[in-house]
Amino acid sequence: MYGQNNIGSLFAVVAGDYMGEFLLCMERGNDEYVFMSLPDFKILKVPDVEVERGLNSKVIDFIEKIPKKYFKECCEQYKKIQNEKSSTNRFK
C-alpha cells in the first residue's frame, strides 16, 4: 500500500458502506488485508485488489501509522474479538 508498512496503518473511509469509519490494518495475509474498523471494532478481510482500488479511487485515504502504544491497545481488542469469535464457533 504505497510503501507504508501495512500493519498499524490507519485509513479513513470517505465513501461507501463504511463511510465515516477508520480502518486499522491489523494483519497482512497472502492476498488480503485484515482491518479492524473503528469505532465499531468489526473485523474486515479485504482482498488486495479491493484495497488498491479503494486507495486509487480515494474511497479510503491513508491517515498515519499509529503510535505503538495505541496500536498495542488495539491489538488487545483485536485478540479479544478473535477469542470471542473462536469460542462462539467452537459449538457450531
Protein backbone atom coordinates (compact mmCIF):
# COMPACT_ATOMS: atom_id res chain seq x y z
CA MET A 1 0.00 0.00 0.00
CA TYR A 2 2.08 2.83 -1.36
CA GLY A 3 5.16 1.96 0.63
CA GLN A 4 3.62 2.25 4.08
CA ASN A 5 4.38 -0.60 6.43
CA ASN A 6 0.88 -2.04 6.36
CA ILE A 7 0.40 -3.22 9.93
CA GLY A 8 -0.56 -0.33 12.16
CA SER A 9 -1.58 1.92 9.27
CA LEU A 10 -4.80 3.85 9.75
CA PHE A 11 -7.13 4.74 6.87
CA ALA A 12 -10.23 6.92 6.72
CA VAL A 13 -13.18 5.63 4.73
CA VAL A 14 -14.64 8.59 2.83
CA ALA A 15 -17.27 6.81 0.71
CA GLY A 16 -19.25 3.59 0.58
CA ASP A 17 -20.76 1.31 3.22
CA TYR A 18 -18.14 2.13 5.86
CA MET A 19 -18.02 5.89 5.26
CA GLY A 20 -17.06 7.76 8.42
CA GLU A 21 -15.16 4.85 9.93
CA PHE A 22 -11.45 4.29 10.27
CA LEU A 23 -9.75 1.08 9.21
CA LEU A 24 -6.70 -0.05 11.12
CA CYS A 25 -4.55 -2.65 9.39
CA MET A 26 -4.07 -5.48 11.87
CA GLU A 27 -2.68 -8.26 9.67
CA ARG A 28 -1.47 -8.89 6.17
CA GLY A 29 -2.36 -12.23 4.60
CA ASN A 30 -1.32 -13.74 1.29
CA ASP A 31 -3.91 -11.95 -0.82
CA GLU A 32 -5.76 -9.86 1.73
CA TYR A 33 -5.55 -7.27 4.43
CA VAL A 34 -7.26 -7.69 7.79
CA PHE A 35 -8.62 -4.45 9.20
CA MET A 36 -10.35 -3.59 12.43
CA SER A 37 -12.92 -0.86 11.90
CA LEU A 38 -13.06 1.93 14.41
CA PRO A 39 -15.11 2.77 16.37
CA ASP A 40 -17.22 -0.39 15.78
CA PHE A 41 -14.42 -2.97 16.23
CA LYS A 42 -15.60 -5.04 13.25
CA ILE A 43 -13.03 -7.31 11.66
CA LEU A 44 -12.89 -6.93 7.89
CA LYS A 45 -10.92 -9.12 5.50
CA VAL A 46 -10.38 -7.22 2.28
CA PRO A 47 -8.68 -8.59 -0.86
CA ASP A 48 -5.52 -6.78 -2.03
CA VAL A 49 -7.23 -5.73 -5.25
CA GLU A 50 -10.06 -4.01 -3.38
CA VAL A 51 -7.67 -2.13 -1.10
CA GLU A 52 -5.65 -0.87 -4.06
CA ARG A 53 -8.85 0.08 -5.89
CA GLY A 54 -10.10 1.95 -2.81
CA LEU A 55 -6.84 3.87 -2.47
CA ASN A 56 -6.68 4.72 -6.17
CA SER A 57 -10.30 5.90 -6.28
CA LYS A 58 -9.98 7.81 -3.00
CA VAL A 59 -12.62 5.71 -1.21
CA ILE A 60 -10.04 5.20 1.53
CA ASP A 61 -7.26 7.60 2.45
CA PHE A 62 -4.09 6.83 4.37
CA ILE A 63 -4.03 8.86 7.58
CA GLU A 64 -1.00 7.73 9.56
CA LYS A 65 0.88 4.88 11.09
CA ILE A 66 -0.48 4.98 14.62
CA PRO A 67 1.90 5.16 17.61
CA LYS A 68 2.96 1.82 19.05
CA LYS A 69 1.30 2.34 22.43
CA TYR A 70 -2.10 2.87 20.76
CA PHE A 71 -1.56 0.01 18.33
CA LYS A 72 -0.79 -2.25 21.30
CA GLU A 73 -4.18 -1.36 22.83
CA CYS A 74 -5.90 -2.06 19.52
CA CYS A 75 -4.11 -5.41 19.31
CA GLU A 76 -5.52 -6.36 22.70
CA GLN A 77 -9.04 -5.53 21.48
CA TYR A 78 -8.41 -7.44 18.23
CA LYS A 79 -7.27 -10.54 20.15
CA LYS A 80 -10.32 -10.28 22.39
CA ILE A 81 -12.59 -10.23 19.33
CA GLN A 82 -10.73 -13.19 17.80
CA ASN A 83 -11.06 -15.18 21.04
CA GLU A 84 -14.78 -14.43 21.29
CA LYS A 85 -15.27 -15.45 17.68
CA SER A 86 -13.38 -18.74 18.11
CA SER A 87 -15.22 -19.67 21.31
CA THR A 88 -18.55 -18.93 19.60
CA ASN A 89 -17.65 -21.03 16.55
CA ARG A 90 -16.49 -23.96 18.66
CA PHE A 91 -20.07 -25.12 19.29
CA LYS A 92 -21.35 -24.83 15.73
